[in-house]
PDB file of all heavy atoms in Angstrom:
ATOM      1  N   ALA A   1      -9.292  -3.834 -16.103  1.00  0.00           N
ATOM      2  CA  ALA A   1     -10.554  -3.764 -15.356  1.00  0.00           C
ATOM      3  C   ALA A   1     -10.310  -3.842 -13.854  1.00  0.00           C
ATOM      4  O   ALA A   1     -10.963  -3.129 -13.068  1.00  0.00           O
ATOM      5  CB  ALA A   1     -11.481  -4.891 -15.797  1.00  0.00           C
ATOM      6  N   TYR A   2      -9.395  -4.701 -13.447  1.00  0.00           N
ATOM      7  CA  TYR A   2      -9.075  -4.807 -12.026  1.00  0.00           C
ATOM      8  C   TYR A   2      -8.603  -3.472 -11.464  1.00  0.00           C
ATOM      9  O   TYR A   2      -9.060  -3.016 -10.417  1.00  0.00           O
ATOM     10  CB  TYR A   2      -7.955  -5.839 -11.822  1.00  0.00           C
ATOM     11  CG  TYR A   2      -8.390  -7.280 -11.778  1.00  0.00           C
ATOM     12  CD1 TYR A   2      -7.607  -8.265 -12.385  1.00  0.00           C
ATOM     13  CD2 TYR A   2      -9.532  -7.691 -11.103  1.00  0.00           C
ATOM     14  CE1 TYR A   2      -7.960  -9.607 -12.340  1.00  0.00           C
ATOM     15  CE2 TYR A   2      -9.893  -9.021 -11.041  1.00  0.00           C
ATOM     16  CZ  TYR A   2      -9.108  -9.976 -11.661  1.00  0.00           C
ATOM     17  OH  TYR A   2      -9.451 -11.300 -11.603  1.00  0.00           O
ATOM     18  N   HIS A   3      -7.667  -2.850 -12.167  1.00  0.00           N
ATOM     19  CA  HIS A   3      -7.089  -1.624 -11.633  1.00  0.00           C
ATOM     20  C   HIS A   3      -8.074  -0.460 -11.669  1.00  0.00           C
ATOM     21  O   HIS A   3      -7.996   0.444 -10.833  1.00  0.00           O
ATOM     22  CB  HIS A   3      -5.794  -1.291 -12.383  1.00  0.00           C
ATOM     23  CG  HIS A   3      -4.653  -2.200 -12.025  1.00  0.00           C
ATOM     24  ND1 HIS A   3      -4.350  -3.336 -12.744  1.00  0.00           N
ATOM     25  CD2 HIS A   3      -3.775  -2.173 -10.999  1.00  0.00           C
ATOM     26  CE1 HIS A   3      -3.324  -3.954 -12.192  1.00  0.00           C
ATOM     27  NE2 HIS A   3      -2.955  -3.266 -11.138  1.00  0.00           N
ATOM     28  N   ARG A   4      -9.001  -0.469 -12.615  1.00  0.00           N
ATOM     29  CA  ARG A   4     -10.067   0.549 -12.584  1.00  0.00           C
ATOM     30  C   ARG A   4     -11.009   0.327 -11.406  1.00  0.00           C
ATOM     31  O   ARG A   4     -11.450   1.282 -10.758  1.00  0.00           O
ATOM     32  CB  ARG A   4     -10.876   0.506 -13.888  1.00  0.00           C
ATOM     33  CG  ARG A   4     -10.217   1.113 -15.089  1.00  0.00           C
ATOM     34  CD  ARG A   4     -11.235   1.365 -16.202  1.00  0.00           C
ATOM     35  NE  ARG A   4     -11.975   0.157 -16.550  1.00  0.00           N
ATOM     36  CZ  ARG A   4     -11.592  -0.722 -17.477  1.00  0.00           C
ATOM     37  NH1 ARG A   4     -10.452  -0.515 -18.140  1.00  0.00           N
ATOM     38  NH2 ARG A   4     -12.320  -1.787 -17.751  1.00  0.00           N
ATOM     39  N   ALA A   5     -11.308  -0.942 -11.130  1.00  0.00           N
ATOM     40  CA  ALA A   5     -12.311  -1.252 -10.108  1.00  0.00           C
ATOM     41  C   ALA A   5     -11.776  -1.086  -8.686  1.00  0.00           C
ATOM     42  O   ALA A   5     -12.547  -0.813  -7.763  1.00  0.00           O
ATOM     43  CB  ALA A   5     -12.829  -2.676 -10.305  1.00  0.00           C
ATOM     44  N   PHE A   6     -10.459  -1.254  -8.509  1.00  0.00           N
ATOM     45  CA  PHE A   6      -9.899  -1.257  -7.157  1.00  0.00           C
ATOM     46  C   PHE A   6      -8.706  -0.305  -7.047  1.00  0.00           C
ATOM     47  O   PHE A   6      -7.560  -0.737  -6.934  1.00  0.00           O
ATOM     48  CB  PHE A   6      -9.475  -2.676  -6.768  1.00  0.00           C
ATOM     49  CG  PHE A   6     -10.569  -3.693  -6.929  1.00  0.00           C
ATOM     50  CD1 PHE A   6     -10.499  -4.654  -7.927  1.00  0.00           C
ATOM     51  CD2 PHE A   6     -11.673  -3.674  -6.096  1.00  0.00           C
ATOM     52  CE1 PHE A   6     -11.501  -5.589  -8.086  1.00  0.00           C
ATOM     53  CE2 PHE A   6     -12.692  -4.606  -6.250  1.00  0.00           C
ATOM     54  CZ  PHE A   6     -12.610  -5.557  -7.243  1.00  0.00           C
ATOM     55  N   PRO A   7      -8.972   1.002  -7.071  1.00  0.00           N
ATOM     56  CA  PRO A   7      -7.872   1.960  -6.967  1.00  0.00           C
ATOM     57  C   PRO A   7      -7.496   2.298  -5.518  1.00  0.00           C
ATOM     58  O   PRO A   7      -6.570   3.069  -5.291  1.00  0.00           O
ATOM     59  CB  PRO A   7      -8.460   3.199  -7.659  1.00  0.00           C
ATOM     60  CG  PRO A   7      -9.935   3.119  -7.330  1.00  0.00           C
ATOM     61  CD  PRO A   7     -10.279   1.656  -7.316  1.00  0.00           C
ATOM     62  N   GLU A   8      -8.199   1.725  -4.539  1.00  0.00           N
ATOM     63  CA  GLU A   8      -7.999   2.106  -3.142  1.00  0.00           C
ATOM     64  C   GLU A   8      -6.576   1.820  -2.659  1.00  0.00           C
ATOM     65  O   GLU A   8      -5.916   0.903  -3.135  1.00  0.00           O
ATOM     66  CB  GLU A   8      -8.982   1.361  -2.230  1.00  0.00           C
ATOM     67  CG  GLU A   8     -10.447   1.584  -2.543  1.00  0.00           C
ATOM     68  CD  GLU A   8     -10.994   0.536  -3.507  1.00  0.00           C
ATOM     69  OE1 GLU A   8     -10.162  -0.170  -4.150  1.00  0.00           O
ATOM     70  OE2 GLU A   8     -12.214   0.434  -3.626  1.00  0.00           O
ATOM     71  N   GLU A   9      -6.143   2.606  -1.676  1.00  0.00           N
ATOM     72  CA  GLU A   9      -4.875   2.384  -1.016  1.00  0.00           C
ATOM     73  C   GLU A   9      -5.106   2.227   0.484  1.00  0.00           C
ATOM     74  O   GLU A   9      -6.029   2.826   1.036  1.00  0.00           O
ATOM     75  CB  GLU A   9      -3.905   3.543  -1.260  1.00  0.00           C
ATOM     76  CG  GLU A   9      -3.469   3.685  -2.710  1.00  0.00           C
ATOM     77  CD  GLU A   9      -2.370   4.716  -2.879  1.00  0.00           C
ATOM     78  OE1 GLU A   9      -1.864   5.219  -1.846  1.00  0.00           O
ATOM     79  OE2 GLU A   9      -2.000   4.998  -4.022  1.00  0.00           O
ATOM     80  N   ASP A  10      -4.285   1.411   1.109  1.00  0.00           N
ATOM     81  CA  ASP A  10      -4.325   1.247   2.562  1.00  0.00           C
ATOM     82  C   ASP A  10      -2.889   1.255   3.051  1.00  0.00           C
ATOM     83  O   ASP A  10      -2.130   0.315   2.818  1.00  0.00           O
ATOM     84  CB  ASP A  10      -5.015  -0.069   2.937  1.00  0.00           C
ATOM     85  CG  ASP A  10      -5.212  -0.206   4.450  1.00  0.00           C
ATOM     86  OD1 ASP A  10      -4.503   0.482   5.217  1.00  0.00           O
ATOM     87  OD2 ASP A  10      -6.065  -1.024   4.864  1.00  0.00           O
ATOM     88  N   ARG A  11      -2.489   2.315   3.733  1.00  0.00           N
ATOM     89  CA  ARG A  11      -1.099   2.510   4.128  1.00  0.00           C
ATOM     90  C   ARG A  11      -0.654   1.573   5.243  1.00  0.00           C
ATOM     91  O   ARG A  11       0.534   1.558   5.599  1.00  0.00           O
ATOM     92  CB  ARG A  11      -0.888   3.974   4.551  1.00  0.00           C
ATOM     93  CG  ARG A  11      -0.997   4.946   3.378  1.00  0.00           C
ATOM     94  CD  ARG A  11       0.111   4.686   2.370  1.00  0.00           C
ATOM     95  NE  ARG A  11      -0.085   5.440   1.123  1.00  0.00           N
ATOM     96  CZ  ARG A  11       0.732   5.364   0.089  1.00  0.00           C
ATOM     97  NH1 ARG A  11       1.786   4.560   0.150  1.00  0.00           N
ATOM     98  NH2 ARG A  11       0.491   6.044  -1.011  1.00  0.00           N
ATOM     99  N   LEU A  12      -1.578   0.774   5.796  1.00  0.00           N
ATOM    100  CA  LEU A  12      -1.164  -0.251   6.747  1.00  0.00           C
ATOM    101  C   LEU A  12      -0.294  -1.293   6.049  1.00  0.00           C
ATOM    102  O   LEU A  12       0.595  -1.886   6.658  1.00  0.00           O
ATOM    103  CB  LEU A  12      -2.397  -0.933   7.357  1.00  0.00           C
ATOM    104  CG  LEU A  12      -2.133  -2.111   8.306  1.00  0.00           C
ATOM    105  CD1 LEU A  12      -1.425  -1.639   9.569  1.00  0.00           C
ATOM    106  CD2 LEU A  12      -3.431  -2.830   8.667  1.00  0.00           C
ATOM    107  N   PHE A  13      -0.528  -1.501   4.743  1.00  0.00           N
ATOM    108  CA  PHE A  13       0.156  -2.546   3.996  1.00  0.00           C
ATOM    109  C   PHE A  13       1.418  -2.006   3.332  1.00  0.00           C
ATOM    110  O   PHE A  13       1.438  -0.885   2.823  1.00  0.00           O
ATOM    111  CB  PHE A  13      -0.782  -3.142   2.949  1.00  0.00           C
ATOM    112  CG  PHE A  13      -1.912  -3.932   3.541  1.00  0.00           C
ATOM    113  CD1 PHE A  13      -3.081  -3.312   3.941  1.00  0.00           C
ATOM    114  CD2 PHE A  13      -1.789  -5.295   3.732  1.00  0.00           C
ATOM    115  CE1 PHE A  13      -4.116  -4.035   4.506  1.00  0.00           C
ATOM    116  CE2 PHE A  13      -2.818  -6.025   4.292  1.00  0.00           C
ATOM    117  CZ  PHE A  13      -3.983  -5.396   4.684  1.00  0.00           C
ATOM    118  N   SER A  14       2.462  -2.860   3.308  1.00  0.00           N
ATOM    119  CA  SER A  14       3.735  -2.425   2.731  1.00  0.00           C
ATOM    120  C   SER A  14       3.628  -2.212   1.222  1.00  0.00           C
ATOM    121  O   SER A  14       4.339  -1.397   0.659  1.00  0.00           O
ATOM    122  CB  SER A  14       4.832  -3.442   3.038  1.00  0.00           C
ATOM    123  OG  SER A  14       4.467  -4.728   2.578  1.00  0.00           O
ATOM    124  N   SER A  15       2.759  -2.965   0.541  1.00  0.00           N
ATOM    125  CA  SER A  15       2.333  -2.594  -0.802  1.00  0.00           C
ATOM    126  C   SER A  15       0.901  -2.107  -0.644  1.00  0.00           C
ATOM    127  O   SER A  15      -0.018  -2.906  -0.420  1.00  0.00           O
ATOM    128  CB  SER A  15       2.386  -3.796  -1.745  1.00  0.00           C
ATOM    129  OG  SER A  15       1.899  -3.437  -3.019  1.00  0.00           O
ATOM    130  N   PRO A  16       0.652  -0.802  -0.722  1.00  0.00           N
ATOM    131  CA  PRO A  16      -0.612  -0.242  -0.245  1.00  0.00           C
ATOM    132  C   PRO A  16      -1.813  -0.455  -1.161  1.00  0.00           C
ATOM    133  O   PRO A  16      -2.914  -0.029  -0.830  1.00  0.00           O
ATOM    134  CB  PRO A  16      -0.299   1.252  -0.121  1.00  0.00           C
ATOM    135  CG  PRO A  16       0.760   1.492  -1.143  1.00  0.00           C
ATOM    136  CD  PRO A  16       1.593   0.247  -1.163  1.00  0.00           C
ATOM    137  N   VAL A  17      -1.631  -1.120  -2.308  1.00  0.00           N
ATOM    138  CA  VAL A  17      -2.731  -1.301  -3.259  1.00  0.00           C
ATOM    139  C   VAL A  17      -2.994  -2.792  -3.486  1.00  0.00           C
ATOM    140  O   VAL A  17      -2.167  -3.649  -3.187  1.00  0.00           O
ATOM    141  CB  VAL A  17      -2.414  -0.631  -4.616  1.00  0.00           C
ATOM    142  CG1 VAL A  17      -2.292   0.871  -4.447  1.00  0.00           C
ATOM    143  CG2 VAL A  17      -1.147  -1.226  -5.226  1.00  0.00           C
ATOM    144  N   SER A  18      -4.161  -3.093  -4.025  1.00  0.00           N
ATOM    145  CA  SER A  18      -4.448  -4.443  -4.495  1.00  0.00           C
ATOM    146  C   SER A  18      -3.600  -4.721  -5.732  1.00  0.00           C
ATOM    147  O   SER A  18      -3.402  -3.841  -6.577  1.00  0.00           O
ATOM    148  CB  SER A  18      -5.928  -4.586  -4.843  1.00  0.00           C
ATOM    149  OG  SER A  18      -6.751  -4.389  -3.704  1.00  0.00           O
ATOM    150  N   THR A  19      -3.104  -5.947  -5.844  1.00  0.00           N
ATOM    151  CA  THR A  19      -2.263  -6.303  -6.989  1.00  0.00           C
ATOM    152  C   THR A  19      -2.907  -7.445  -7.772  1.00  0.00           C
ATOM    153  O   THR A  19      -3.510  -8.351  -7.190  1.00  0.00           O
ATOM    154  CB  THR A  19      -0.853  -6.714  -6.536  1.00  0.00           C
ATOM    155  OG1 THR A  19      -0.933  -7.841  -5.656  1.00  0.00           O
ATOM    156  CG2 THR A  19      -0.160  -5.567  -5.826  1.00  0.00           C
ATOM    157  N   PHE A  20      -2.753  -7.394  -9.103  1.00  0.00           N
ATOM    158  CA  PHE A  20      -3.355  -8.375 -10.006  1.00  0.00           C
ATOM    159  C   PHE A  20      -2.310  -8.715 -11.070  1.00  0.00           C
ATOM    160  O   PHE A  20      -2.070  -7.936 -11.981  1.00  0.00           O
ATOM    161  CB  PHE A  20      -4.619  -7.813 -10.650  1.00  0.00           C
ATOM    162  CG  PHE A  20      -5.600  -7.256  -9.646  1.00  0.00           C
ATOM    163  CD1 PHE A  20      -5.579  -5.903  -9.319  1.00  0.00           C
ATOM    164  CD2 PHE A  20      -6.514  -8.081  -9.033  1.00  0.00           C
ATOM    165  CE1 PHE A  20      -6.471  -5.391  -8.384  1.00  0.00           C
ATOM    166  CE2 PHE A  20      -7.412  -7.576  -8.107  1.00  0.00           C
ATOM    167  CZ  PHE A  20      -7.396  -6.228  -7.783  1.00  0.00           C
ATOM    168  N   GLU A  21      -1.703  -9.883 -10.956  1.00  0.00           N
ATOM    169  CA  GLU A  21      -0.575 -10.211 -11.811  1.00  0.00           C
ATOM    170  C   GLU A  21      -0.844 -11.454 -12.658  1.00  0.00           C
ATOM    171  O   GLU A  21      -1.092 -12.538 -12.119  1.00  0.00           O
ATOM    172  CB  GLU A  21       0.677 -10.451 -10.957  1.00  0.00           C
ATOM    173  CG  GLU A  21       1.176  -9.208 -10.247  1.00  0.00           C
ATOM    174  CD  GLU A  21       1.551  -8.098 -11.218  1.00  0.00           C
ATOM    175  OE1 GLU A  21       2.273  -8.386 -12.198  1.00  0.00           O
ATOM    176  OE2 GLU A  21       1.122  -6.951 -11.002  1.00  0.00           O
ATOM    177  N   PRO A  22      -0.793 -11.320 -14.010  1.00  0.00           N
ATOM    178  CA  PRO A  22      -0.798 -12.518 -14.851  1.00  0.00           C
ATOM    179  C   PRO A  22       0.509 -13.275 -14.619  1.00  0.00           C
ATOM    180  O   PRO A  22       1.587 -12.679 -14.601  1.00  0.00           O
ATOM    181  CB  PRO A  22      -0.893 -11.958 -16.271  1.00  0.00           C
ATOM    182  CG  PRO A  22      -0.400 -10.558 -16.168  1.00  0.00           C
ATOM    183  CD  PRO A  22      -0.694 -10.080 -14.790  1.00  0.00           C
ATOM    184  N   THR A  23       0.401 -14.598 -14.422  1.00  0.00           N
ATOM    185  CA  THR A  23       1.597 -15.363 -14.066  1.00  0.00           C
ATOM    186  C   THR A  23       1.778 -16.561 -15.004  1.00  0.00           C
ATOM    187  O   THR A  23       2.225 -16.402 -16.124  1.00  0.00           O
ATOM    188  CB  THR A  23       1.536 -15.819 -12.597  1.00  0.00           C
ATOM    189  OG1 THR A  23       0.314 -16.549 -12.372  1.00  0.00           O
ATOM    190  CG2 THR A  23       1.589 -14.631 -11.651  1.00  0.00           C
ATOM    191  N   ARG A  24       1.383 -17.734 -14.574  1.00  0.00           N
ATOM    192  CA  ARG A  24       1.665 -18.955 -15.325  1.00  0.00           C
ATOM    193  C   ARG A  24       0.874 -19.022 -16.623  1.00  0.00           C
ATOM    194  O   ARG A  24      -0.287 -18.651 -16.677  1.00  0.00           O
ATOM    195  CB  ARG A  24       1.315 -20.180 -14.461  1.00  0.00           C
ATOM    196  CG  ARG A  24       1.598 -21.508 -15.131  1.00  0.00           C
ATOM    197  CD  ARG A  24       1.272 -22.651 -14.193  1.00  0.00           C
ATOM    198  NE  ARG A  24      -0.149 -22.726 -13.890  1.00  0.00           N
ATOM    199  CZ  ARG A  24      -0.647 -23.458 -12.897  1.00  0.00           C
ATOM    200  NH1 ARG A  24       0.159 -24.118 -12.093  1.00  0.00           N
ATOM    201  NH2 ARG A  24      -1.948 -23.507 -12.697  1.00  0.00           N
ATOM    202  N   ARG A  25       1.547 -19.512 -17.674  1.00  0.00           N
ATOM    203  CA  ARG A  25       0.870 -19.786 -18.937  1.00  0.00           C
ATOM    204  C   ARG A  25       1.261 -21.191 -19.387  1.00  0.00           C
ATOM    205  O   ARG A  25       2.446 -21.505 -19.496  1.00  0.00           O
ATOM    206  CB  ARG A  25       1.272 -18.769 -20.005  1.00  0.00           C
ATOM    207  CG  ARG A  25       0.387 -18.834 -21.236  1.00  0.00           C
ATOM    208  CD  ARG A  25       0.285 -17.471 -21.883  1.00  0.00           C
ATOM    209  NE  ARG A  25      -0.746 -17.426 -22.904  1.00  0.00           N
ATOM    210  CZ  ARG A  25      -1.226 -16.312 -23.427  1.00  0.00           C
ATOM    211  NH1 ARG A  25      -0.788 -15.148 -23.005  1.00  0.00           N
ATOM    212  NH2 ARG A  25      -2.155 -16.337 -24.354  1.00  0.00           N
ATOM    213  N   ARG A  26       0.288 -22.033 -19.622  1.00  0.00           N
ATOM    214  CA  ARG A  26       0.567 -23.418 -19.998  1.00  0.00           C
ATOM    215  C   ARG A  26       0.940 -23.495 -21.477  1.00  0.00           C
ATOM    216  O   ARG A  26       0.532 -22.670 -22.283  1.00  0.00           O
ATOM    217  CB  ARG A  26      -0.640 -24.307 -19.699  1.00  0.00           C
ATOM    218  CG  ARG A  26      -0.987 -24.378 -18.215  1.00  0.00           C
ATOM    219  CD  ARG A  26      -1.995 -25.454 -17.934  1.00  0.00           C
ATOM    220  NE  ARG A  26      -2.383 -25.481 -16.534  1.00  0.00           N
ATOM    221  CZ  ARG A  26      -1.724 -26.123 -15.584  1.00  0.00           C
ATOM    222  NH1 ARG A  26      -0.611 -26.783 -15.890  1.00  0.00           N
ATOM    223  NH2 ARG A  26      -2.156 -26.117 -14.330  1.00  0.00           N
ATOM    224  N   ALA A  27       1.713 -24.526 -21.823  1.00  0.00           N
ATOM    225  CA  ALA A  27       2.117 -24.730 -23.213  1.00  0.00           C
ATOM    226  C   ALA A  27       0.898 -24.993 -24.094  1.00  0.00           C
ATOM    227  O   ALA A  27      -0.068 -25.618 -23.669  1.00  0.00           O
ATOM    228  CB  ALA A  27       3.079 -25.911 -23.303  1.00  0.00           C
ATOM    229  N   ASN A  28       0.941 -24.469 -25.324  1.00  0.00           N
ATOM    230  CA  ASN A  28      -0.170 -24.736 -26.254  1.00  0.00           C
ATOM    231  C   ASN A  28       0.326 -25.673 -27.355  1.00  0.00           C
ATOM    232  O   ASN A  28       0.579 -26.831 -27.118  1.00  0.00           O
ATOM    233  CB  ASN A  28      -0.771 -23.439 -26.789  1.00  0.00           C
ATOM    234  CG  ASN A  28       0.278 -22.458 -27.301  1.00  0.00           C
ATOM    235  OD1 ASN A  28       1.323 -22.843 -27.810  1.00  0.00           O
ATOM    236  ND2 ASN A  28      -0.021 -21.179 -27.166  1.00  0.00           N
ATOM    237  N   VAL A  29       0.490 -25.179 -28.559  1.00  0.00           N
ATOM    238  CA  VAL A  29       0.963 -26.033 -29.656  1.00  0.00           C
ATOM    239  C   VAL A  29       2.490 -26.109 -29.634  1.00  0.00           C
ATOM    240  O   VAL A  29       3.158 -25.223 -29.119  1.00  0.00           O
ATOM    241  CB  VAL A  29       0.482 -25.500 -31.023  1.00  0.00           C
ATOM    242  CG1 VAL A  29      -1.040 -25.610 -31.120  1.00  0.00           C
ATOM    243  CG2 VAL A  29       0.918 -24.054 -31.211  1.00  0.00           C
ATOM    244  N   SER A  30       3.030 -27.169 -30.225  1.00  0.00           N
ATOM    245  CA  SER A  30       4.473 -27.378 -30.181  1.00  0.00           C
ATOM    246  C   SER A  30       5.192 -26.820 -31.405  1.00  0.00           C
ATOM    247  O   SER A  30       6.421 -26.792 -31.442  1.00  0.00           O
ATOM    248  CB  SER A  30       4.778 -28.882 -30.057  1.00  0.00           C
ATOM    249  OG  SER A  30       4.215 -29.597 -31.141  1.00  0.00           O
ATOM    250  N   ASN A  31       4.450 -26.396 -32.424  1.00  0.00           N
ATOM    251  CA  ASN A  31       5.084 -25.878 -33.641  1.00  0.00           C
ATOM    252  C   ASN A  31       4.599 -24.464 -33.943  1.00  0.00           C
ATOM    253  O   ASN A  31       3.521 -24.046 -33.520  1.00  0.00           O
ATOM    254  CB  ASN A  31       4.795 -26.798 -34.832  1.00  0.00           C
ATOM    255  CG  ASN A  31       3.302 -27.026 -35.031  1.00  0.00           C
ATOM    256  OD1 ASN A  31       2.603 -27.375 -34.087  1.00  0.00           O
ATOM    257  ND2 ASN A  31       2.801 -26.834 -36.241  1.00  0.00           N
ATOM    258  N   VAL A  32       5.399 -23.732 -34.697  1.00  0.00           N
ATOM    259  CA  VAL A  32       5.114 -22.319 -34.948  1.00  0.00           C
ATOM    260  C   VAL A  32       3.951 -22.133 -35.915  1.00  0.00           C
ATOM    261  O   VAL A  32       3.188 -21.166 -35.806  1.00  0.00           O
ATOM    262  CB  VAL A  32       6.380 -21.614 -35.492  1.00  0.00           C
ATOM    263  CG1 VAL A  32       6.060 -20.177 -35.892  1.00  0.00           C
ATOM    264  CG2 VAL A  32       7.492 -21.650 -34.453  1.00  0.00           C
ATOM    265  N   ASN A  33       3.756 -23.035 -36.834  1.00  0.00           N
ATOM    266  CA  ASN A  33       2.789 -22.787 -37.910  1.00  0.00           C
ATOM    267  C   ASN A  33       1.409 -23.402 -37.642  1.00  0.00           C
ATOM    268  O   ASN A  33       0.697 -23.761 -38.566  1.00  0.00           O
ATOM    269  CB  ASN A  33       3.347 -23.286 -39.247  1.00  0.00           C
ATOM    270  CG  ASN A  33       3.634 -24.778 -39.234  1.00  0.00           C
ATOM    271  OD1 ASN A  33       3.890 -25.342 -38.180  1.00  0.00           O
ATOM    272  ND2 ASN A  33       3.612 -25.401 -40.411  1.00  0.00           N
ATOM    273  N   THR A  34       1.038 -23.507 -36.369  1.00  0.00           N
ATOM    274  CA  THR A  34      -0.310 -23.931 -36.006  1.00  0.00           C
ATOM    275  C   THR A  34      -0.947 -22.896 -35.088  1.00  0.00           C
ATOM    276  O   THR A  34      -0.339 -22.471 -34.095  1.00  0.00           O
ATOM    277  CB  THR A  34      -0.298 -25.300 -35.295  1.00  0.00           C
ATOM    278  OG1 THR A  34       0.122 -26.304 -36.213  1.00  0.00           O
ATOM    279  CG2 THR A  34      -1.686 -25.671 -34.782  1.00  0.00           C
ATOM    280  N   ILE A  35      -2.135 -22.474 -35.445  1.00  0.00           N
ATOM    281  CA  ILE A  35      -2.907 -21.579 -34.587  1.00  0.00           C
ATOM    282  C   ILE A  35      -3.476 -22.391 -33.428  1.00  0.00           C
ATOM    283  O   ILE A  35      -4.173 -23.387 -33.657  1.00  0.00           O
ATOM    284  CB  ILE A  35      -4.045 -20.905 -35.382  1.00  0.00           C
ATOM    285  CG1 ILE A  35      -3.469 -19.889 -36.369  1.00  0.00           C
ATOM    286  CG2 ILE A  35      -5.050 -20.248 -34.453  1.00  0.00           C
ATOM    287  CD1 ILE A  35      -4.501 -19.306 -37.304  1.00  0.00           C
TER     288      ILE A  35
END
């Protein structure tokens, strides 16, 4: 959705587009067999 909504470029910037990056994910359950 982000990339559809903001396709603009601005060549003043060294990365000319808006960026949206998933980063940190916190720990959830400690065992494999729990949803």
